[in-house]
Amino acid sequence: MIKLYIGGAYQGQEELARQENPQSELHPGFHEVIRRAVLTEGQEPRAFARWFCNQHPDAVVIANEVGAGVVPMDAAERAFREAVGRALCVIAQEAGQVTRCVCGIGVRIK
């Protein structure tokens, strides 16, 4: 079962994921994995996310929420935010558990 941990930068989602899943396959910084796959390699965000879920059915995915705040002027940064949002929607749908972390406190949203 895939587990997704999300939160703002430095909100403790990685630490919480490690604590709750000490023996699991962890994928921290997944928002940057999406950046490379989509912006560098040209993959479609949802297709990449579906491929990842198929390849890693027991993964613990850890990602920053990147869509909040001021909209960047740079088109590439806007595309990055959009790609992360689209990919994480697919992963959240496939995940058996989704946890949002704020100030080190995990709140299960699925």
PDB file of N, CA and C in Angstrom:
ATOM      1  N   MET A   1       0.830  -1.176   0.000  1.00  0.00           N
ATOM      2  CA  MET A   1       0.000   0.000   0.000  1.00  0.00           C
ATOM      3  C   MET A   1       0.882   1.249   0.000  1.00  0.00           C
ATOM      4  N   ILE A   2       0.617   2.137  -0.922  1.00  0.00           N
ATOM      5  CA  ILE A   2       1.338   3.408  -0.985  1.00  0.00           C
ATOM      6  C   ILE A   2       0.848   4.309   0.140  1.00  0.00           C
ATOM      7  N   LYS A   3       1.797   5.023   0.743  1.00  0.00           N
ATOM      8  CA  LYS A   3       1.473   6.033   1.742  1.00  0.00           C
ATOM      9  C   LYS A   3       2.066   7.350   1.268  1.00  0.00           C
ATOM     10  N   LEU A   4       1.285   8.417   1.380  1.00  0.00           N
ATOM     11  CA  LEU A   4       1.720   9.745   0.957  1.00  0.00           C
ATOM     12  C   LEU A   4       1.744  10.670   2.164  1.00  0.00           C
ATOM     13  N   TYR A   5       2.881  11.335   2.354  1.00  0.00           N
ATOM     14  CA  TYR A   5       3.040  12.343   3.394  1.00  0.00           C
ATOM     15  C   TYR A   5       3.322  13.670   2.714  1.00  0.00           C
ATOM     16  N   ILE A   6       2.487  14.665   2.974  1.00  0.00           N
ATOM     17  CA  ILE A   6       2.652  15.977   2.363  1.00  0.00           C
ATOM     18  C   ILE A   6       2.680  17.051   3.444  1.00  0.00           C
ATOM     19  N   GLY A   7       3.209  18.192   3.095  1.00  0.00           N
ATOM     20  CA  GLY A   7       3.234  19.331   4.009  1.00  0.00           C
ATOM     21  C   GLY A   7       4.106  20.411   3.417  1.00  0.00           C
ATOM     22  N   GLY A   8       4.059  21.565   4.026  1.00  0.00           N
ATOM     23  CA  GLY A   8       4.913  22.663   3.596  1.00  0.00           C
ATOM     24  C   GLY A   8       6.370  22.340   3.884  1.00  0.00           C
ATOM     25  N   ALA A   9       7.253  23.137   3.328  1.00  0.00           N
ATOM     26  CA  ALA A   9       8.690  22.929   3.552  1.00  0.00           C
ATOM     27  C   ALA A   9       8.995  22.971   5.046  1.00  0.00           C
ATOM     28  N   TYR A  10       9.769  22.020   5.498  1.00  0.00           N
ATOM     29  CA  TYR A  10      10.240  21.942   6.890  1.00  0.00           C
ATOM     30  C   TYR A  10       9.110  21.801   7.912  1.00  0.00           C
ATOM     31  N   GLN A  11       8.040  21.129   7.535  1.00  0.00           N
ATOM     32  CA  GLN A  11       6.925  20.922   8.459  1.00  0.00           C
ATOM     33  C   GLN A  11       6.997  19.576   9.177  1.00  0.00           C
ATOM     34  N   GLY A  12       8.002  18.757   8.854  1.00  0.00           N
ATOM     35  CA  GLY A  12       8.205  17.515   9.585  1.00  0.00           C
ATOM     36  C   GLY A  12       7.629  16.274   8.937  1.00  0.00           C
ATOM     37  N   GLN A  13       7.197  16.373   7.675  1.00  0.00           N
ATOM     38  CA  GLN A  13       6.607  15.198   7.038  1.00  0.00           C
ATOM     39  C   GLN A  13       7.612  14.062   6.849  1.00  0.00           C
ATOM     40  N   GLU A  14       8.860  14.375   6.559  1.00  0.00           N
ATOM     41  CA  GLU A  14       9.841  13.310   6.389  1.00  0.00           C
ATOM     42  C   GLU A  14      10.124  12.614   7.718  1.00  0.00           C
ATOM     43  N   GLU A  15      10.293  13.364   8.774  1.00  0.00           N
ATOM     44  CA  GLU A  15      10.560  12.775  10.084  1.00  0.00           C
ATOM     45  C   GLU A  15       9.395  11.899  10.535  1.00  0.00           C
ATOM     46  N   LEU A  16       8.171  12.380  10.327  1.00  0.00           N
ATOM     47  CA  LEU A  16       6.987  11.613  10.695  1.00  0.00           C
ATOM     48  C   LEU A  16       6.904  10.322   9.887  1.00  0.00           C
ATOM     49  N   ALA A  17       7.159  10.415   8.595  1.00  0.00           N
ATOM     50  CA  ALA A  17       7.114   9.227   7.736  1.00  0.00           C
ATOM     51  C   ALA A  17       8.151   8.198   8.170  1.00  0.00           C
ATOM     52  N   ARG A  18       9.351   8.653   8.485  1.00  0.00           N
ATOM     53  CA  ARG A  18      10.405   7.731   8.947  1.00  0.00           C
ATOM     54  C   ARG A  18      10.027   7.082  10.272  1.00  0.00           C
ATOM     55  N   GLN A  19       9.442   7.845  11.167  1.00  0.00           N
ATOM     56  CA  GLN A  19       9.036   7.319  12.468  1.00  0.00           C
ATOM     57  C   GLN A  19       7.930   6.277  12.322  1.00  0.00           C
ATOM     58  N   GLU A  20       6.961   6.532  11.458  1.00  0.00           N
ATOM     59  CA  GLU A  20       5.817   5.634  11.306  1.00  0.00           C
ATOM     60  C   GLU A  20       6.094   4.448  10.389  1.00  0.00           C
ATOM     61  N   ASN A  21       7.162   4.524   9.575  1.00  0.00           N
ATOM     62  CA  ASN A  21       7.454   3.480   8.578  1.00  0.00           C
ATOM     63  C   ASN A  21       8.932   3.137   8.576  1.00  0.00           C
ATOM     64  N   PRO A  22       9.465   2.642   9.689  1.00  0.00           N
ATOM     65  CA  PRO A  22      10.916   2.463   9.786  1.00  0.00           C
ATOM     66  C   PRO A  22      11.505   1.438   8.814  1.00  0.00           C
ATOM     67  N   GLN A  23      10.729   0.494   8.355  1.00  0.00           N
ATOM     68  CA  GLN A  23      11.256  -0.546   7.468  1.00  0.00           C
ATOM     69  C   GLN A  23      10.800  -0.394   6.021  1.00  0.00           C
ATOM     70  N   SER A  24      10.198   0.725   5.684  1.00  0.00           N
ATOM     71  CA  SER A  24       9.596   0.882   4.357  1.00  0.00           C
ATOM     72  C   SER A  24      10.523   1.564   3.363  1.00  0.00           C
ATOM     73  N   GLU A  25      10.178   1.431   2.098  1.00  0.00           N
ATOM     74  CA  GLU A  25      10.868   2.089   0.992  1.00  0.00           C
ATOM     75  C   GLU A  25      10.423   3.553   0.964  1.00  0.00           C
ATOM     76  N   LEU A  26      11.292   4.466   1.380  1.00  0.00           N
ATOM     77  CA  LEU A  26      10.949   5.887   1.465  1.00  0.00           C
ATOM     78  C   LEU A  26      11.423   6.649   0.233  1.00  0.00           C
ATOM     79  N   HIS A  27      10.616   7.606  -0.179  1.00  0.00           N
ATOM     80  CA  HIS A  27      10.943   8.462  -1.324  1.00  0.00           C
ATOM     81  C   HIS A  27      10.782   9.919  -0.896  1.00  0.00           C
ATOM     82  N   PRO A  28      11.767  10.458  -0.144  1.00  0.00           N
ATOM     83  CA  PRO A  28      11.673  11.854   0.301  1.00  0.00           C
ATOM     84  C   PRO A  28      11.949  12.821  -0.847  1.00  0.00           C
ATOM     85  N   GLY A  29      11.471  14.046  -0.686  1.00  0.00           N
ATOM     86  CA  GLY A  29      11.711  15.060  -1.715  1.00  0.00           C
ATOM     87  C   GLY A  29      11.071  14.710  -3.042  1.00  0.00           C
ATOM     88  N   PHE A  30       9.915  14.072  -3.006  1.00  0.00           N
ATOM     89  CA  PHE A  30       9.316  13.581  -4.241  1.00  0.00           C
ATOM     90  C   PHE A  30       8.909  14.706  -5.178  1.00  0.00           C
ATOM     91  N   HIS A  31       8.666  15.891  -4.655  1.00  0.00           N
ATOM     92  CA  HIS A  31       8.350  17.030  -5.525  1.00  0.00           C
ATOM     93  C   HIS A  31       9.506  17.316  -6.485  1.00  0.00           C
ATOM     94  N   GLU A  32      10.746  17.070  -6.040  1.00  0.00           N
ATOM     95  CA  GLU A  32      11.903  17.263  -6.919  1.00  0.00           C
ATOM     96  C   GLU A  32      12.039  16.125  -7.930  1.00  0.00           C
ATOM     97  N   VAL A  33      11.611  14.937  -7.554  1.00  0.00           N
ATOM     98  CA  VAL A  33      11.579  13.811  -8.511  1.00  0.00           C
ATOM     99  C   VAL A  33      10.610  14.154  -9.636  1.00  0.00           C
ATOM    100  N   ILE A  34       9.471  14.719  -9.265  1.00  0.00           N
ATOM    101  CA  ILE A  34       8.486  15.129 -10.277  1.00  0.00           C
ATOM    102  C   ILE A  34       9.073  16.218 -11.166  1.00  0.00           C
ATOM    103  N   ARG A  35       9.793  17.171 -10.574  1.00  0.00           N
ATOM    104  CA  ARG A  35      10.422  18.241 -11.371  1.00  0.00           C
ATOM    105  C   ARG A  35      11.316  17.639 -12.455  1.00  0.00           C
ATOM    106  N   ARG A  36      12.178  16.702 -12.055  1.00  0.00           N
ATOM    107  CA  ARG A  36      13.093  16.097 -13.032  1.00  0.00           C
ATOM    108  C   ARG A  36      12.330  15.327 -14.107  1.00  0.00           C
ATOM    109  N   ALA A  37      11.359  14.530 -13.689  1.00  0.00           N
ATOM    110  CA  ALA A  37      10.627  13.694 -14.645  1.00  0.00           C
ATOM    111  C   ALA A  37       9.849  14.540 -15.649  1.00  0.00           C
ATOM    112  N   VAL A  38       9.232  15.591 -15.171  1.00  0.00           N
ATOM    113  CA  VAL A  38       8.338  16.371 -16.025  1.00  0.00           C
ATOM    114  C   VAL A  38       9.083  17.475 -16.776  1.00  0.00           C
ATOM    115  N   LEU A  39       9.831  18.288 -16.045  1.00  0.00           N
ATOM    116  CA  LEU A  39      10.454  19.449 -16.691  1.00  0.00           C
ATOM    117  C   LEU A  39      11.745  19.106 -17.417  1.00  0.00           C
ATOM    118  N   THR A  40      12.495  18.131 -16.910  1.00  0.00           N
ATOM    119  CA  THR A  40      13.763  17.778 -17.547  1.00  0.00           C
ATOM    120  C   THR A  40      13.577  16.680 -18.592  1.00  0.00           C
ATOM    121  N   GLU A  41      12.802  15.648 -18.228  1.00  0.00           N
ATOM    122  CA  GLU A  41      12.640  14.503 -19.124  1.00  0.00           C
ATOM    123  C   GLU A  41      11.394  14.583 -19.994  1.00  0.00           C
ATOM    124  N   GLY A  42      10.530  15.559 -19.741  1.00  0.00           N
ATOM    125  CA  GLY A  42       9.360  15.771 -20.592  1.00  0.00           C
ATOM    126  C   GLY A  42       8.205  14.807 -20.391  1.00  0.00           C
ATOM    127  N   GLN A  43       8.145  14.137 -19.260  1.00  0.00           N
ATOM    128  CA  GLN A  43       7.048  13.202 -19.019  1.00  0.00           C
ATOM    129  C   GLN A  43       5.786  13.960 -18.600  1.00  0.00           C
ATOM    130  N   GLU A  44       4.637  13.379 -18.895  1.00  0.00           N
ATOM    131  CA  GLU A  44       3.359  13.946 -18.479  1.00  0.00           C
ATOM    132  C   GLU A  44       3.177  13.617 -17.002  1.00  0.00           C
ATOM    133  N   PRO A  45       2.801  14.586 -16.149  1.00  0.00           N
ATOM    134  CA  PRO A  45       2.787  14.375 -14.697  1.00  0.00           C
ATOM    135  C   PRO A  45       1.916  13.207 -14.238  1.00  0.00           C
ATOM    136  N   ARG A  46       0.704  13.109 -14.750  1.00  0.00           N
ATOM    137  CA  ARG A  46      -0.184  12.024 -14.305  1.00  0.00           C
ATOM    138  C   ARG A  46       0.304  10.668 -14.795  1.00  0.00           C
ATOM    139  N   ALA A  47       0.825  10.619 -16.002  1.00  0.00           N
ATOM    140  CA  ALA A  47       1.363   9.355 -16.520  1.00  0.00           C
ATOM    141  C   ALA A  47       2.578   8.929 -15.700  1.00  0.00           C
ATOM    142  N   PHE A  48       3.428   9.878 -15.356  1.00  0.00           N
ATOM    143  CA  PHE A  48       4.584   9.564 -14.519  1.00  0.00           C
ATOM    144  C   PHE A  48       4.126   9.022 -13.168  1.00  0.00           C
ATOM    145  N   ALA A  49       3.134   9.659 -12.560  1.00  0.00           N
ATOM    146  CA  ALA A  49       2.640   9.225 -11.246  1.00  0.00           C
ATOM    147  C   ALA A  49       2.046   7.823 -11.318  1.00  0.00           C
ATOM    148  N   ARG A  50       1.284   7.533 -12.369  1.00  0.00           N
ATOM    149  CA  ARG A  50       0.719   6.179 -12.522  1.00  0.00           C
ATOM    150  C   ARG A  50       1.835   5.151 -12.685  1.00  0.00           C
ATOM    151  N   TRP A  51       2.838   5.478 -13.496  1.00  0.00           N
ATOM    152  CA  TRP A  51       3.981   4.580 -13.678  1.00  0.00           C
ATOM    153  C   TRP A  51       4.665   4.338 -12.327  1.00  0.00           C
ATOM    154  N   PHE A  52       4.906   5.411 -11.575  1.00  0.00           N
ATOM    155  CA  PHE A  52       5.568   5.276 -10.279  1.00  0.00           C
ATOM    156  C   PHE A  52       4.767   4.367  -9.354  1.00  0.00           C
ATOM    157  N   CYS A  53       3.474   4.572  -9.278  1.00  0.00           N
ATOM    158  CA  CYS A  53       2.630   3.748  -8.404  1.00  0.00           C
ATOM    159  C   CYS A  53       2.688   2.276  -8.802  1.00  0.00           C
ATOM    160  N   ASN A  54       2.708   2.006 -10.081  1.00  0.00           N
ATOM    161  CA  ASN A  54       2.810   0.614 -10.553  1.00  0.00           C
ATOM    162  C   ASN A  54       4.156   0.002 -10.212  1.00  0.00           C
ATOM    163  N   GLN A  55       5.212   0.789 -10.288  1.00  0.00           N
ATOM    164  CA  GLN A  55       6.563   0.287 -10.021  1.00  0.00           C
ATOM    165  C   GLN A  55       6.878   0.169  -8.534  1.00  0.00           C
ATOM    166  N   HIS A  56       6.202   0.958  -7.713  1.00  0.00           N
ATOM    167  CA  HIS A  56       6.502   1.022  -6.273  1.00  0.00           C
ATOM    168  C   HIS A  56       5.212   0.931  -5.458  1.00  0.00           C
ATOM    169  N   PRO A  57       4.548  -0.217  -5.474  1.00  0.00           N
ATOM    170  CA  PRO A  57       3.228  -0.325  -4.828  1.00  0.00           C
ATOM    171  C   PRO A  57       3.256  -0.203  -3.305  1.00  0.00           C
ATOM    172  N   ASP A  58       4.421  -0.297  -2.681  1.00  0.00           N
ATOM    173  CA  ASP A  58       4.515  -0.197  -1.223  1.00  0.00           C
ATOM    174  C   ASP A  58       5.349   1.010  -0.786  1.00  0.00           C
ATOM    175  N   ALA A  59       5.477   1.989  -1.658  1.00  0.00           N
ATOM    176  CA  ALA A  59       6.334   3.142  -1.373  1.00  0.00           C
ATOM    177  C   ALA A  59       5.707   4.076  -0.348  1.00  0.00           C
ATOM    178  N   VAL A  60       6.572   4.764   0.363  1.00  0.00           N
ATOM    179  CA  VAL A  60       6.175   5.876   1.217  1.00  0.00           C
ATOM    180  C   VAL A  60       6.695   7.131   0.518  1.00  0.00           C
ATOM    181  N   VAL A  61       5.777   7.921  -0.007  1.00  0.00           N
ATOM    182  CA  VAL A  61       6.111   9.108  -0.788  1.00  0.00           C
ATOM    183  C   VAL A  61       6.024  10.324   0.123  1.00  0.00           C
ATOM    184  N   ILE A  62       7.077  11.130   0.106  1.00  0.00           N
ATOM    185  CA  ILE A  62       7.160  12.318   0.961  1.00  0.00           C
ATOM    186  C   ILE A  62       7.389  13.519   0.052  1.00  0.00           C
ATOM    187  N   ALA A  63       6.473  14.495   0.115  1.00  0.00           N
ATOM    188  CA  ALA A  63       6.578  15.642  -0.788  1.00  0.00           C
ATOM    189  C   ALA A  63       6.177  16.931  -0.099  1.00  0.00           C
ATOM    190  N   ASN A  64       6.772  18.003  -0.567  1.00  0.00           N
ATOM    191  CA  ASN A  64       6.367  19.333  -0.113  1.00  0.00           C
ATOM    192  C   ASN A  64       5.144  19.773  -0.902  1.00  0.00           C
ATOM    193  N   GLU A  65       4.277  20.518  -0.243  1.00  0.00           N
ATOM    194  CA  GLU A  65       3.200  21.204  -0.942  1.00  0.00           C
ATOM    195  C   GLU A  65       3.829  22.446  -1.560  1.00  0.00           C
ATOM    196  N   VAL A  66       3.717  22.583  -2.848  1.00  0.00           N
ATOM    197  CA  VAL A  66       4.400  23.697  -3.522  1.00  0.00           C
ATOM    198  C   VAL A  66       3.429  24.679  -4.163  1.00  0.00           C
ATOM    199  N   GLY A  67       2.145  24.467  -4.053  1.00  0.00           N
ATOM    200  CA  GLY A  67       1.185  25.299  -4.757  1.00  0.00           C
ATOM    201  C   GLY A  67       0.639  26.473  -3.973  1.00  0.00           C
ATOM    202  N   ALA A  68       0.981  26.598  -2.720  1.00  0.00           N
ATOM    203  CA  ALA A  68       0.447  27.695  -1.913  1.00  0.00           C
ATOM    204  C   ALA A  68       1.347  28.926  -2.025  1.00  0.00           C
ATOM    205  N   GLY A  69       0.811  30.048  -1.686  1.00  0.00           N
ATOM    206  CA  GLY A  69       1.621  31.263  -1.671  1.00  0.00           C
ATOM    207  C   GLY A  69       1.510  32.064  -2.947  1.00  0.00           C
ATOM    208  N   VAL A  70       2.454  32.955  -3.129  1.00  0.00           N
ATOM    209  CA  VAL A  70       2.472  33.851  -4.275  1.00  0.00           C
ATOM    210  C   VAL A  70       2.790  33.060  -5.542  1.00  0.00           C
ATOM    211  N   VAL A  71       2.043  33.327  -6.592  1.00  0.00           N
ATOM    212  CA  VAL A  71       2.278  32.661  -7.873  1.00  0.00           C
ATOM    213  C   VAL A  71       3.566  33.212  -8.468  1.00  0.00           C
ATOM    214  N   PRO A  72       4.512  32.312  -8.829  1.00  0.00           N
ATOM    215  CA  PRO A  72       5.783  32.781  -9.375  1.00  0.00           C
ATOM    216  C   PRO A  72       5.611  33.471 -10.734  1.00  0.00           C
ATOM    217  N   MET A  73       6.456  34.452 -10.985  1.00  0.00           N
ATOM    218  CA  MET A  73       6.444  35.121 -12.292  1.00  0.00           C
ATOM    219  C   MET A  73       7.045  34.225 -13.365  1.00  0.00           C
ATOM    220  N   ASP A  74       7.985  33.369 -12.969  1.00  0.00           N
ATOM    221  CA  ASP A  74       8.687  32.492 -13.902  1.00  0.00           C
ATOM    222  C   ASP A  74       7.765  31.367 -14.389  1.00  0.00           C
ATOM    223  N   ALA A  75       7.622  31.237 -15.691  1.00  0.00           N
ATOM    224  CA  ALA A  75       6.731  30.232 -16.272  1.00  0.00           C
ATOM    225  C   ALA A  75       7.145  28.811 -15.902  1.00  0.00           C
ATOM    226  N   ALA A  76       8.438  28.548 -15.826  1.00  0.00           N
ATOM    227  CA  ALA A  76       8.911  27.205 -15.477  1.00  0.00           C
ATOM    228  C   ALA A  76       8.528  26.841 -14.044  1.00  0.00           C
ATOM    229  N   GLU A  77       8.586  27.796 -13.149  1.00  0.00           N
ATOM    230  CA  GLU A  77       8.185  27.535 -11.755  1.00  0.00           C
ATOM    231  C   GLU A  77       6.681  27.315 -11.649  1.00  0.00           C
ATOM    232  N   ARG A  78       5.903  28.030 -12.442  1.00  0.00           N
ATOM    233  CA  ARG A  78       4.458  27.781 -12.455  1.00  0.00           C
ATOM    234  C   ARG A  78       4.165  26.401 -13.003  1.00  0.00           C
ATOM    235  N   ALA A  79       4.878  25.996 -14.044  1.00  0.00           N
ATOM    236  CA  ALA A  79       4.697  24.656 -14.621  1.00  0.00           C
ATOM    237  C   ALA A  79       5.087  23.573 -13.612  1.00  0.00           C
ATOM    238  N   PHE A  80       6.151  23.828 -12.851  1.00  0.00           N
ATOM    239  CA  PHE A  80       6.580  22.898 -11.809  1.00  0.00           C
ATOM    240  C   PHE A  80       5.477  22.712 -10.777  1.00  0.00           C
ATOM    241  N   ARG A  81       4.913  23.797 -10.285  1.00  0.00           N
ATOM    242  CA  ARG A  81       3.842  23.706  -9.290  1.00  0.00           C
ATOM    243  C   ARG A  81       2.652  22.922  -9.832  1.00  0.00           C
ATOM    244  N   GLU A  82       2.286  23.207 -11.052  1.00  0.00           N
ATOM    245  CA  GLU A  82       1.154  22.507 -11.658  1.00  0.00           C
ATOM    246  C   GLU A  82       1.452  21.022 -11.804  1.00  0.00           C
ATOM    247  N   ALA A  83       2.642  20.684 -12.250  1.00  0.00           N
ATOM    248  CA  ALA A  83       3.016  19.280 -12.435  1.00  0.00           C
ATOM    249  C   ALA A  83       2.996  18.525 -11.110  1.00  0.00           C
ATOM    250  N   VAL A  84       3.518  19.133 -10.061  1.00  0.00           N
ATOM    251  CA  VAL A  84       3.512  18.487  -8.741  1.00  0.00           C
ATOM    252  C   VAL A  84       2.085  18.248  -8.284  1.00  0.00           C
ATOM    253  N   GLY A  85       1.236  19.243  -8.435  1.00  0.00           N
ATOM    254  CA  GLY A  85      -0.163  19.088  -8.032  1.00  0.00           C
ATOM    255  C   GLY A  85      -0.857  17.971  -8.779  1.00  0.00           C
ATOM    256  N   ARG A  86      -0.665  17.923 -10.084  1.00  0.00           N
ATOM    257  CA  ARG A  86      -1.322  16.878 -10.883  1.00  0.00           C
ATOM    258  C   ARG A  86      -0.795  15.483 -10.532  1.00  0.00           C
ATOM    259  N   ALA A  87       0.511  15.353 -10.372  1.00  0.00           N
ATOM    260  CA  ALA A  87       1.100  14.048 -10.042  1.00  0.00           C
ATOM    261  C   ALA A  87       0.677  13.587  -8.644  1.00  0.00           C
ATOM    262  N   LEU A  88       0.696  14.489  -7.680  1.00  0.00           N
ATOM    263  CA  LEU A  88       0.326  14.098  -6.321  1.00  0.00           C
ATOM    264  C   LEU A  88      -1.151  13.761  -6.209  1.00  0.00           C
ATOM    265  N   CYS A  89      -2.002  14.349  -7.037  1.00  0.00           N
ATOM    266  CA  CYS A  89      -3.414  13.949  -7.047  1.00  0.00           C
ATOM    267  C   CYS A  89      -3.550  12.480  -7.422  1.00  0.00           C
ATOM    268  N   VAL A  90      -2.808  12.046  -8.420  1.00  0.00           N
ATOM    269  CA  VAL A  90      -2.846  10.637  -8.828  1.00  0.00           C
ATOM    270  C   VAL A  90      -2.317   9.745  -7.708  1.00  0.00           C
ATOM    271  N   ILE A  91      -1.197  10.129  -7.115  1.00  0.00           N
ATOM    272  CA  ILE A  91      -0.617   9.322  -6.040  1.00  0.00           C
ATOM    273  C   ILE A  91      -1.569   9.263  -4.853  1.00  0.00           C
ATOM    274  N   ALA A  92      -2.204  10.369  -4.510  1.00  0.00           N
ATOM    275  CA  ALA A  92      -3.164  10.379  -3.406  1.00  0.00           C
ATOM    276  C   ALA A  92      -4.351   9.465  -3.690  1.00  0.00           C
ATOM    277  N   GLN A  93      -4.813   9.447  -4.919  1.00  0.00           N
ATOM    278  CA  GLN A  93      -5.926   8.563  -5.281  1.00  0.00           C
ATOM    279  C   GLN A  93      -5.530   7.100  -5.141  1.00  0.00           C
ATOM    280  N   GLU A  94      -4.293   6.773  -5.502  1.00  0.00           N
ATOM    281  CA  GLU A  94      -3.818   5.395  -5.444  1.00  0.00           C
ATOM    282  C   GLU A  94      -3.398   4.978  -4.032  1.00  0.00           C
ATOM    283  N   ALA A  95      -3.066   5.952  -3.195  1.00  0.00           N
ATOM    284  CA  ALA A  95      -2.541   5.662  -1.857  1.00  0.00           C
ATOM    285  C   ALA A  95      -3.627   5.104  -0.942  1.00  0.00           C
ATOM    286  N   GLY A  96      -3.201   4.221  -0.056  1.00  0.00           N
ATOM    287  CA  GLY A  96      -4.089   3.730   0.977  1.00  0.00           C
ATOM    288  C   GLY A  96      -4.143   4.660   2.166  1.00  0.00           C
ATOM    289  N   GLN A  97      -3.146   5.527   2.269  1.00  0.00           N
ATOM    290  CA  GLN A  97      -3.075   6.470   3.388  1.00  0.00           C
ATOM    291  C   GLN A  97      -2.444   7.763   2.902  1.00  0.00           C
ATOM    292  N   VAL A  98      -3.052   8.894   3.262  1.00  0.00           N
ATOM    293  CA  VAL A  98      -2.492  10.207   2.969  1.00  0.00           C
ATOM    294  C   VAL A  98      -2.462  10.985   4.281  1.00  0.00           C
ATOM    295  N   THR A  99      -1.288  11.520   4.610  1.00  0.00           N
ATOM    296  CA  THR A  99      -1.111  12.272   5.848  1.00  0.00           C
ATOM    297  C   THR A  99      -0.554  13.643   5.512  1.00  0.00           C
ATOM    298  N   ARG A 100      -1.206  14.671   6.042  1.00  0.00           N
ATOM    299  CA  ARG A 100      -0.696  16.038   5.902  1.00  0.00           C
ATOM    300  C   ARG A 100      -0.039  16.403   7.213  1.00  0.00           C
ATOM    301  N   CYS A 101       1.167  16.934   7.131  1.00  0.00           N
ATOM    302  CA  CYS A 101       1.933  17.250   8.319  1.00  0.00           C
ATOM    303  C   CYS A 101       2.075  18.763   8.468  1.00  0.00           C
ATOM    304  N   VAL A 102       1.715  19.270   9.642  1.00  0.00           N
ATOM    305  CA  VAL A 102       1.835  20.691   9.958  1.00  0.00           C
ATOM    306  C   VAL A 102       2.494  20.799  11.320  1.00  0.00           C
ATOM    307  N   CYS A 103       3.615  21.493  11.396  1.00  0.00           N
ATOM    308  CA  CYS A 103       4.342  21.678  12.657  1.00  0.00           C
ATOM    309  C   CYS A 103       4.658  20.335  13.321  1.00  0.00           C
ATOM    310  N   GLY A 104       4.973  19.342  12.499  1.00  0.00           N
ATOM    311  CA  GLY A 104       5.355  18.037  13.024  1.00  0.00           C
ATOM    312  C   GLY A 104       4.191  17.154  13.425  1.00  0.00           C
ATOM    313  N   ILE A 105       2.972  17.636  13.284  1.00  0.00           N
ATOM    314  CA  ILE A 105       1.791  16.858  13.649  1.00  0.00           C
ATOM    315  C   ILE A 105       1.126  16.338  12.390  1.00  0.00           C
ATOM    316  N   GLY A 106       0.985  15.025  12.319  1.00  0.00           N
ATOM    317  CA  GLY A 106       0.358  14.415  11.156  1.00  0.00           C
ATOM    318  C   GLY A 106      -1.152  14.343  11.307  1.00  0.00           C
ATOM    319  N   VAL A 107      -1.850  14.740  10.255  1.00  0.00           N
ATOM    320  CA  VAL A 107      -3.301  14.658  10.223  1.00  0.00           C
ATOM    321  C   VAL A 107      -3.670  13.753   9.049  1.00  0.00           C
ATOM    322  N   ARG A 108      -4.287  12.614   9.345  1.00  0.00           N
ATOM    323  CA  ARG A 108      -4.674  11.689   8.276  1.00  0.00           C
ATOM    324  C   ARG A 108      -5.848  12.269   7.511  1.00  0.00           C
ATOM    325  N   ILE A 109      -5.690  12.410   6.213  1.00  0.00           N
ATOM    326  CA  ILE A 109      -6.794  12.913   5.389  1.00  0.00           C
ATOM    327  C   ILE A 109      -7.360  11.821   4.492  1.00  0.00           C
ATOM    328  N   LYS A 110      -6.714  10.672   4.529  1.00  0.00           N
ATOM    329  CA  LYS A 110      -7.251   9.499   3.829  1.00  0.00           C
ATOM    330  C   LYS A 110      -6.680   8.274   4.521  1.00  0.00           C
TER     331      LYS A 110
END
